[in-house]
Amino acid sequence: STIFTIAGVYALIAFPLAVVGGIVAMKYASHNFNAPTRTSEVVREIPARVSGICIRVFPMYFSGLLPFLTIYYEAHYVFAGMWGHQ
């Protein structure tokens, strides 16, 4: 029932306020906005892809493995405590 309460609060309060805030921001936004940063016209080259451990596949699998192993480790101690290593 708690999850439905949280979802109801989000659906009835947070989401409509976010939509109204977006509409108000679009209506009152300045159209001649200049960002407070300077950009240079210097052309910069894009670095070449690096092979080995820096590719995106390794961090993707590793970042999924850590939470799984943590949950497995905690569940092992909970179940071992409940059934006494039987």
PDB file of N, CA and C in Angstrom:
ATOM      1  N   SER A   1       0.817  -1.194   0.000  1.00  0.00           N
ATOM      2  CA  SER A   1       0.000   0.000   0.000  1.00  0.00           C
ATOM      3  C   SER A   1       0.862   1.259   0.000  1.00  0.00           C
ATOM      4  N   THR A   2       2.076   1.159   0.533  1.00  0.00           N
ATOM      5  CA  THR A   2       2.964   2.325   0.557  1.00  0.00           C
ATOM      6  C   THR A   2       3.367   2.733  -0.855  1.00  0.00           C
ATOM      7  N   ILE A   3       3.628   1.760  -1.703  1.00  0.00           N
ATOM      8  CA  ILE A   3       4.042   2.081  -3.069  1.00  0.00           C
ATOM      9  C   ILE A   3       2.922   2.773  -3.832  1.00  0.00           C
ATOM     10  N   PHE A   4       1.668   2.377  -3.554  1.00  0.00           N
ATOM     11  CA  PHE A   4       0.539   3.036  -4.210  1.00  0.00           C
ATOM     12  C   PHE A   4       0.359   4.460  -3.691  1.00  0.00           C
ATOM     13  N   THR A   5       0.644   4.674  -2.417  1.00  0.00           N
ATOM     14  CA  THR A   5       0.576   6.020  -1.853  1.00  0.00           C
ATOM     15  C   THR A   5       1.617   6.929  -2.491  1.00  0.00           C
ATOM     16  N   ILE A   6       2.833   6.418  -2.621  1.00  0.00           N
ATOM     17  CA  ILE A   6       3.905   7.211  -3.241  1.00  0.00           C
ATOM     18  C   ILE A   6       3.574   7.494  -4.703  1.00  0.00           C
ATOM     19  N   ALA A   7       3.074   6.494  -5.412  1.00  0.00           N
ATOM     20  CA  ALA A   7       2.697   6.698  -6.812  1.00  0.00           C
ATOM     21  C   ALA A   7       1.539   7.683  -6.929  1.00  0.00           C
ATOM     22  N   GLY A   8       0.589   7.622  -6.000  1.00  0.00           N
ATOM     23  CA  GLY A   8      -0.532   8.570  -6.015  1.00  0.00           C
ATOM     24  C   GLY A   8      -0.089   9.993  -5.742  1.00  0.00           C
ATOM     25  N   VAL A   9       0.813  10.162  -4.775  1.00  0.00           N
ATOM     26  CA  VAL A   9       1.338  11.503  -4.489  1.00  0.00           C
ATOM     27  C   VAL A   9       2.066  12.049  -5.708  1.00  0.00           C
ATOM     28  N   TYR A  10       2.848  11.196  -6.356  1.00  0.00           N
ATOM     29  CA  TYR A  10       3.557  11.647  -7.558  1.00  0.00           C
ATOM     30  C   TYR A  10       2.575  12.019  -8.663  1.00  0.00           C
ATOM     31  N   ALA A  11       1.576  11.162  -8.882  1.00  0.00           N
ATOM     32  CA  ALA A  11       0.629  11.390  -9.980  1.00  0.00           C
ATOM     33  C   ALA A  11      -0.258  12.605  -9.733  1.00  0.00           C
ATOM     34  N   LEU A  12      -0.602  12.861  -8.488  1.00  0.00           N
ATOM     35  CA  LEU A  12      -1.548  13.944  -8.192  1.00  0.00           C
ATOM     36  C   LEU A  12      -0.883  15.267  -7.821  1.00  0.00           C
ATOM     37  N   ILE A  13       0.377  15.237  -7.399  1.00  0.00           N
ATOM     38  CA  ILE A  13       1.023  16.478  -6.961  1.00  0.00           C
ATOM     39  C   ILE A  13       2.263  16.798  -7.791  1.00  0.00           C
ATOM     40  N   ALA A  14       3.223  15.901  -7.808  1.00  0.00           N
ATOM     41  CA  ALA A  14       4.513  16.217  -8.418  1.00  0.00           C
ATOM     42  C   ALA A  14       4.427  16.365  -9.934  1.00  0.00           C
ATOM     43  N   PHE A  15       3.765  15.452 -10.607  1.00  0.00           N
ATOM     44  CA  PHE A  15       3.691  15.512 -12.065  1.00  0.00           C
ATOM     45  C   PHE A  15       2.937  16.743 -12.564  1.00  0.00           C
ATOM     46  N   PRO A  16       1.743  17.059 -12.023  1.00  0.00           N
ATOM     47  CA  PRO A  16       1.075  18.281 -12.490  1.00  0.00           C
ATOM     48  C   PRO A  16       1.878  19.553 -12.197  1.00  0.00           C
ATOM     49  N   LEU A  17       2.559  19.601 -11.047  1.00  0.00           N
ATOM     50  CA  LEU A  17       3.386  20.772 -10.754  1.00  0.00           C
ATOM     51  C   LEU A  17       4.552  20.898 -11.729  1.00  0.00           C
ATOM     52  N   ALA A  18       5.125  19.771 -12.134  1.00  0.00           N
ATOM     53  CA  ALA A  18       6.209  19.825 -13.106  1.00  0.00           C
ATOM     54  C   ALA A  18       5.715  20.307 -14.461  1.00  0.00           C
ATOM     55  N   VAL A  19       4.534  19.867 -14.870  1.00  0.00           N
ATOM     56  CA  VAL A  19       3.961  20.300 -16.148  1.00  0.00           C
ATOM     57  C   VAL A  19       3.628  21.789 -16.106  1.00  0.00           C
ATOM     58  N   VAL A  20       2.995  22.246 -15.029  1.00  0.00           N
ATOM     59  CA  VAL A  20       2.652  23.672 -14.897  1.00  0.00           C
ATOM     60  C   VAL A  20       3.921  24.517 -14.853  1.00  0.00           C
ATOM     61  N   GLY A  21       4.939  24.042 -14.148  1.00  0.00           N
ATOM     62  CA  GLY A  21       6.208  24.769 -14.110  1.00  0.00           C
ATOM     63  C   GLY A  21       6.857  24.879 -15.473  1.00  0.00           C
ATOM     64  N   GLY A  22       6.781  23.821 -16.270  1.00  0.00           N
ATOM     65  CA  GLY A  22       7.327  23.868 -17.627  1.00  0.00           C
ATOM     66  C   GLY A  22       6.581  24.838 -18.515  1.00  0.00           C
ATOM     67  N   ILE A  23       5.257  24.874 -18.384  1.00  0.00           N
ATOM     68  CA  ILE A  23       4.451  25.804 -19.190  1.00  0.00           C
ATOM     69  C   ILE A  23       4.748  27.243 -18.801  1.00  0.00           C
ATOM     70  N   VAL A  24       4.837  27.503 -17.495  1.00  0.00           N
ATOM     71  CA  VAL A  24       5.144  28.863 -17.027  1.00  0.00           C
ATOM     72  C   VAL A  24       6.536  29.276 -17.476  1.00  0.00           C
ATOM     73  N   ALA A  25       7.492  28.361 -17.400  1.00  0.00           N
ATOM     74  CA  ALA A  25       8.859  28.690 -17.820  1.00  0.00           C
ATOM     75  C   ALA A  25       8.927  28.996 -19.302  1.00  0.00           C
ATOM     76  N   MET A  26       8.185  28.254 -20.134  1.00  0.00           N
ATOM     77  CA  MET A  26       8.185  28.539 -21.568  1.00  0.00           C
ATOM     78  C   MET A  26       7.516  29.872 -21.867  1.00  0.00           C
ATOM     79  N   LYS A  27       6.479  30.207 -21.100  1.00  0.00           N
ATOM     80  CA  LYS A  27       5.744  31.442 -21.368  1.00  0.00           C
ATOM     81  C   LYS A  27       6.560  32.681 -20.992  1.00  0.00           C
ATOM     82  N   TYR A  28       7.282  32.614 -19.883  1.00  0.00           N
ATOM     83  CA  TYR A  28       8.015  33.780 -19.394  1.00  0.00           C
ATOM     84  C   TYR A  28       9.500  33.742 -19.701  1.00  0.00           C
ATOM     85  N   ALA A  29       9.953  32.793 -20.497  1.00  0.00           N
ATOM     86  CA  ALA A  29      11.376  32.710 -20.831  1.00  0.00           C
ATOM     87  C   ALA A  29      11.761  33.849 -21.762  1.00  0.00           C
ATOM     88  N   SER A  30      12.955  34.330 -21.587  1.00  0.00           N
ATOM     89  CA  SER A  30      13.473  35.387 -22.446  1.00  0.00           C
ATOM     90  C   SER A  30      13.957  34.778 -23.756  1.00  0.00           C
ATOM     91  N   HIS A  31      13.531  35.342 -24.879  1.00  0.00           N
ATOM     92  CA  HIS A  31      13.899  34.786 -26.176  1.00  0.00           C
ATOM     93  C   HIS A  31      15.280  35.239 -26.626  1.00  0.00           C
ATOM     94  N   ASN A  32      15.822  36.263 -26.015  1.00  0.00           N
ATOM     95  CA  ASN A  32      17.155  36.725 -26.385  1.00  0.00           C
ATOM     96  C   ASN A  32      18.165  36.339 -25.300  1.00  0.00           C
ATOM     97  N   PHE A  33      18.079  35.116 -24.846  1.00  0.00           N
ATOM     98  CA  PHE A  33      18.962  34.613 -23.803  1.00  0.00           C
ATOM     99  C   PHE A  33      20.347  34.357 -24.364  1.00  0.00           C
ATOM    100  N   ASN A  34      21.349  34.872 -23.688  1.00  0.00           N
ATOM    101  CA  ASN A  34      22.739  34.618 -24.041  1.00  0.00           C
ATOM    102  C   ASN A  34      23.385  33.864 -22.886  1.00  0.00           C
ATOM    103  N   ALA A  35      23.957  32.721 -23.192  1.00  0.00           N
ATOM    104  CA  ALA A  35      24.588  31.908 -22.163  1.00  0.00           C
ATOM    105  C   ALA A  35      25.783  32.655 -21.584  1.00  0.00           C
ATOM    106  N   PRO A  36      26.046  32.524 -20.293  1.00  0.00           N
ATOM    107  CA  PRO A  36      27.149  33.256 -19.669  1.00  0.00           C
ATOM    108  C   PRO A  36      28.505  32.596 -19.874  1.00  0.00           C
ATOM    109  N   THR A  37      28.696  31.929 -20.984  1.00  0.00           N
ATOM    110  CA  THR A  37      29.978  31.295 -21.271  1.00  0.00           C
ATOM    111  C   THR A  37      30.466  31.745 -22.640  1.00  0.00           C
ATOM    112  N   ARG A  38      31.755  31.649 -22.813  1.00  0.00           N
ATOM    113  CA  ARG A  38      32.328  31.979 -24.112  1.00  0.00           C
ATOM    114  C   ARG A  38      32.681  30.691 -24.839  1.00  0.00           C
ATOM    115  N   THR A  39      32.423  30.665 -26.100  1.00  0.00           N
ATOM    116  CA  THR A  39      32.818  29.518 -26.914  1.00  0.00           C
ATOM    117  C   THR A  39      33.870  29.970 -27.904  1.00  0.00           C
ATOM    118  N   SER A  40      34.805  29.079 -28.164  1.00  0.00           N
ATOM    119  CA  SER A  40      35.867  29.433 -29.103  1.00  0.00           C
ATOM    120  C   SER A  40      35.586  28.806 -30.458  1.00  0.00           C
ATOM    121  N   GLU A  41      36.160  29.380 -31.467  1.00  0.00           N
ATOM    122  CA  GLU A  41      35.992  28.895 -32.823  1.00  0.00           C
ATOM    123  C   GLU A  41      37.078  27.902 -33.213  1.00  0.00           C
ATOM    124  N   VAL A  42      37.907  27.495 -32.252  1.00  0.00           N
ATOM    125  CA  VAL A  42      38.992  26.574 -32.542  1.00  0.00           C
ATOM    126  C   VAL A  42      38.410  25.180 -32.777  1.00  0.00           C
ATOM    127  N   VAL A  43      38.799  24.586 -33.877  1.00  0.00           N
ATOM    128  CA  VAL A  43      38.315  23.255 -34.204  1.00  0.00           C
ATOM    129  C   VAL A  43      39.133  22.248 -33.406  1.00  0.00           C
ATOM    130  N   ARG A  44      38.448  21.382 -32.697  1.00  0.00           N
ATOM    131  CA  ARG A  44      39.134  20.354 -31.913  1.00  0.00           C
ATOM    132  C   ARG A  44      38.833  18.996 -32.510  1.00  0.00           C
ATOM    133  N   GLU A  45      39.860  18.152 -32.546  1.00  0.00           N
ATOM    134  CA  GLU A  45      39.657  16.839 -33.134  1.00  0.00           C
ATOM    135  C   GLU A  45      39.070  15.881 -32.101  1.00  0.00           C
ATOM    136  N   ILE A  46      38.303  14.925 -32.604  1.00  0.00           N
ATOM    137  CA  ILE A  46      37.701  13.917 -31.749  1.00  0.00           C
ATOM    138  C   ILE A  46      38.728  12.813 -31.544  1.00  0.00           C
ATOM    139  N   PRO A  47      38.985  12.424 -30.288  1.00  0.00           N
ATOM    140  CA  PRO A  47      39.997  11.393 -30.068  1.00  0.00           C
ATOM    141  C   PRO A  47      39.568  10.042 -30.636  1.00  0.00           C
ATOM    142  N   ALA A  48      40.561   9.259 -31.023  1.00  0.00           N
ATOM    143  CA  ALA A  48      40.293   7.932 -31.576  1.00  0.00           C
ATOM    144  C   ALA A  48      39.790   7.009 -30.475  1.00  0.00           C
ATOM    145  N   ARG A  49      39.088   5.950 -30.881  1.00  0.00           N
ATOM    146  CA  ARG A  49      38.581   4.992 -29.893  1.00  0.00           C
ATOM    147  C   ARG A  49      39.740   4.208 -29.291  1.00  0.00           C
ATOM    148  N   VAL A  50      39.633   3.959 -27.999  1.00  0.00           N
ATOM    149  CA  VAL A  50      40.669   3.224 -27.298  1.00  0.00           C
ATOM    150  C   VAL A  50      40.186   1.793 -27.103  1.00  0.00           C
ATOM    151  N   SER A  51      41.039   0.843 -27.383  1.00  0.00           N
ATOM    152  CA  SER A  51      40.648  -0.553 -27.209  1.00  0.00           C
ATOM    153  C   SER A  51      41.070  -1.038 -25.823  1.00  0.00           C
ATOM    154  N   GLY A  52      40.616  -2.209 -25.454  1.00  0.00           N
ATOM    155  CA  GLY A  52      41.001  -2.795 -24.176  1.00  0.00           C
ATOM    156  C   GLY A  52      39.985  -2.524 -23.097  1.00  0.00           C
ATOM    157  N   ILE A  53      40.465  -2.134 -21.936  1.00  0.00           N
ATOM    158  CA  ILE A  53      39.590  -1.985 -20.775  1.00  0.00           C
ATOM    159  C   ILE A  53      38.749  -0.718 -20.845  1.00  0.00           C
ATOM    160  N   CYS A  54      39.095   0.221 -21.695  1.00  0.00           N
ATOM    161  CA  CYS A  54      38.381   1.497 -21.756  1.00  0.00           C
ATOM    162  C   CYS A  54      37.138   1.456 -22.643  1.00  0.00           C
ATOM    163  N   ILE A  55      36.889   0.342 -23.309  1.00  0.00           N
ATOM    164  CA  ILE A  55      35.682   0.289 -24.134  1.00  0.00           C
ATOM    165  C   ILE A  55      34.459   0.235 -23.235  1.00  0.00           C
ATOM    166  N   ARG A  56      33.313   0.535 -23.777  1.00  0.00           N
ATOM    167  CA  ARG A  56      32.114   0.679 -22.971  1.00  0.00           C
ATOM    168  C   ARG A  56      31.501  -0.658 -22.551  1.00  0.00           C
ATOM    169  N   VAL A  57      31.895  -1.752 -23.142  1.00  0.00           N
ATOM    170  CA  VAL A  57      31.302  -3.037 -22.800  1.00  0.00           C
ATOM    171  C   VAL A  57      31.744  -3.476 -21.401  1.00  0.00           C
ATOM    172  N   PHE A  58      33.013  -3.333 -21.081  1.00  0.00           N
ATOM    173  CA  PHE A  58      33.514  -3.760 -19.772  1.00  0.00           C
ATOM    174  C   PHE A  58      32.852  -2.998 -18.624  1.00  0.00           C
ATOM    175  N   PRO A  59      32.806  -1.664 -18.632  1.00  0.00           N
ATOM    176  CA  PRO A  59      32.120  -0.979 -17.528  1.00  0.00           C
ATOM    177  C   PRO A  59      30.636  -1.308 -17.458  1.00  0.00           C
ATOM    178  N   MET A  60      30.013  -1.578 -18.599  1.00  0.00           N
ATOM    179  CA  MET A  60      28.596  -1.907 -18.596  1.00  0.00           C
ATOM    180  C   MET A  60      28.351  -3.210 -17.847  1.00  0.00           C
ATOM    181  N   TYR A  61      29.102  -4.248 -18.145  1.00  0.00           N
ATOM    182  CA  TYR A  61      28.926  -5.517 -17.454  1.00  0.00           C
ATOM    183  C   TYR A  61      29.383  -5.431 -16.000  1.00  0.00           C
ATOM    184  N   PHE A  62      30.454  -4.724 -15.751  1.00  0.00           N
ATOM    185  CA  PHE A  62      30.971  -4.610 -14.392  1.00  0.00           C
ATOM    186  C   PHE A  62      30.013  -3.831 -13.504  1.00  0.00           C
ATOM    187  N   SER A  63      29.399  -2.783 -14.021  1.00  0.00           N
ATOM    188  CA  SER A  63      28.454  -2.009 -13.215  1.00  0.00           C
ATOM    189  C   SER A  63      27.172  -2.779 -12.952  1.00  0.00           C
ATOM    190  N   GLY A  64      26.823  -3.723 -13.786  1.00  0.00           N
ATOM    191  CA  GLY A  64      25.685  -4.579 -13.508  1.00  0.00           C
ATOM    192  C   GLY A  64      26.032  -5.710 -12.562  1.00  0.00           C
ATOM    193  N   LEU A  65      27.288  -6.126 -12.555  1.00  0.00           N
ATOM    194  CA  LEU A  65      27.718  -7.235 -11.713  1.00  0.00           C
ATOM    195  C   LEU A  65      27.836  -6.824 -10.252  1.00  0.00           C
ATOM    196  N   LEU A  66      28.293  -5.630  -9.972  1.00  0.00           N
ATOM    197  CA  LEU A  66      28.478  -5.196  -8.584  1.00  0.00           C
ATOM    198  C   LEU A  66      27.184  -5.178  -7.777  1.00  0.00           C
ATOM    199  N   PRO A  67      26.092  -4.572  -8.250  1.00  0.00           N
ATOM    200  CA  PRO A  67      24.864  -4.618  -7.457  1.00  0.00           C
ATOM    201  C   PRO A  67      24.335  -6.040  -7.281  1.00  0.00           C
ATOM    202  N   PHE A  68      24.447  -6.862  -8.326  1.00  0.00           N
ATOM    203  CA  PHE A  68      23.982  -8.240  -8.216  1.00  0.00           C
ATOM    204  C   PHE A  68      24.762  -8.994  -7.157  1.00  0.00           C
ATOM    205  N   LEU A  69      26.087  -8.865  -7.146  1.00  0.00           N
ATOM    206  CA  LEU A  69      26.894  -9.559  -6.153  1.00  0.00           C
ATOM    207  C   LEU A  69      26.623  -9.035  -4.743  1.00  0.00           C
ATOM    208  N   THR A  70      26.370  -7.750  -4.607  1.00  0.00           N
ATOM    209  CA  THR A  70      26.052  -7.190  -3.297  1.00  0.00           C
ATOM    210  C   THR A  70      24.742  -7.754  -2.769  1.00  0.00           C
ATOM    211  N   ILE A  71      23.731  -7.813  -3.603  1.00  0.00           N
ATOM    212  CA  ILE A  71      22.436  -8.363  -3.189  1.00  0.00           C
ATOM    213  C   ILE A  71      22.583  -9.851  -2.876  1.00  0.00           C
ATOM    214  N   TYR A  72      23.339 -10.585  -3.683  1.00  0.00           N
ATOM    215  CA  TYR A  72      23.559 -12.003  -3.426  1.00  0.00           C
ATOM    216  C   TYR A  72      24.265 -12.210  -2.091  1.00  0.00           C
ATOM    217  N   TYR A  73      25.263 -11.404  -1.814  1.00  0.00           N
ATOM    218  CA  TYR A  73      26.044 -11.502  -0.586  1.00  0.00           C
ATOM    219  C   TYR A  73      25.154 -11.230   0.635  1.00  0.00           C
ATOM    220  N   GLU A  74      24.340 -10.195   0.573  1.00  0.00           N
ATOM    221  CA  GLU A  74      23.432  -9.880   1.679  1.00  0.00           C
ATOM    222  C   GLU A  74      22.370 -10.951   1.845  1.00  0.00           C
ATOM    223  N   ALA A  75      21.812 -11.444   0.749  1.00  0.00           N
ATOM    224  CA  ALA A  75      20.791 -12.486   0.834  1.00  0.00           C
ATOM    225  C   ALA A  75      21.378 -13.769   1.401  1.00  0.00           C
ATOM    226  N   HIS A  76      22.621 -14.075   1.091  1.00  0.00           N
ATOM    227  CA  HIS A  76      23.276 -15.259   1.634  1.00  0.00           C
ATOM    228  C   HIS A  76      23.325 -15.193   3.156  1.00  0.00           C
ATOM    229  N   TYR A  77      23.704 -14.057   3.722  1.00  0.00           N
ATOM    230  CA  TYR A  77      23.769 -13.927   5.168  1.00  0.00           C
ATOM    231  C   TYR A  77      22.385 -13.942   5.814  1.00  0.00           C
ATOM    232  N   VAL A  78      21.394 -13.382   5.157  1.00  0.00           N
ATOM    233  CA  VAL A  78      20.031 -13.414   5.698  1.00  0.00           C
ATOM    234  C   VAL A  78      19.520 -14.839   5.735  1.00  0.00           C
ATOM    235  N   PHE A  79      19.668 -15.582   4.633  1.00  0.00           N
ATOM    236  CA  PHE A  79      19.178 -16.955   4.591  1.00  0.00           C
ATOM    237  C   PHE A  79      19.992 -17.869   5.494  1.00  0.00           C
ATOM    238  N   ALA A  80      21.287 -17.630   5.578  1.00  0.00           N
ATOM    239  CA  ALA A  80      22.113 -18.443   6.467  1.00  0.00           C
ATOM    240  C   ALA A  80      21.724 -18.202   7.933  1.00  0.00           C
ATOM    241  N   GLY A  81      21.363 -16.986   8.269  1.00  0.00           N
ATOM    242  CA  GLY A  81      20.923 -16.698   9.618  1.00  0.00           C
ATOM    243  C   GLY A  81      19.566 -17.298   9.921  1.00  0.00           C
ATOM    244  N   MET A  82      18.687 -17.365   8.921  1.00  0.00           N
ATOM    245  CA  MET A  82      17.354 -17.926   9.150  1.00  0.00           C
ATOM    246  C   MET A  82      17.400 -19.446   9.287  1.00  0.00           C
ATOM    247  N   TRP A  83      18.189 -20.123   8.455  1.00  0.00           N
ATOM    248  CA  TRP A  83      18.171 -21.577   8.464  1.00  0.00           C
ATOM    249  C   TRP A  83      19.404 -22.176   9.144  1.00  0.00           C
ATOM    250  N   GLY A  84      20.294 -21.366   9.647  1.00  0.00           N
ATOM    251  CA  GLY A  84      21.420 -21.851  10.434  1.00  0.00           C
ATOM    252  C   GLY A  84      22.371 -22.780   9.695  1.00  0.00           C
ATOM    253  N   HIS A  85      22.697 -22.479   8.477  1.00  0.00           N
ATOM    254  CA  HIS A  85      23.651 -23.247   7.662  1.00  0.00           C
ATOM    255  C   HIS A  85      23.252 -24.708   7.537  1.00  0.00           C
ATOM    256  N   GLN A  86      22.005 -25.005   7.316  1.00  0.00           N
ATOM    257  CA  GLN A  86      21.543 -26.395   7.174  1.00  0.00           C
ATOM    258  C   GLN A  86      21.639 -26.839   5.739  1.00  0.00           C
TER     259      GLN A  86
END
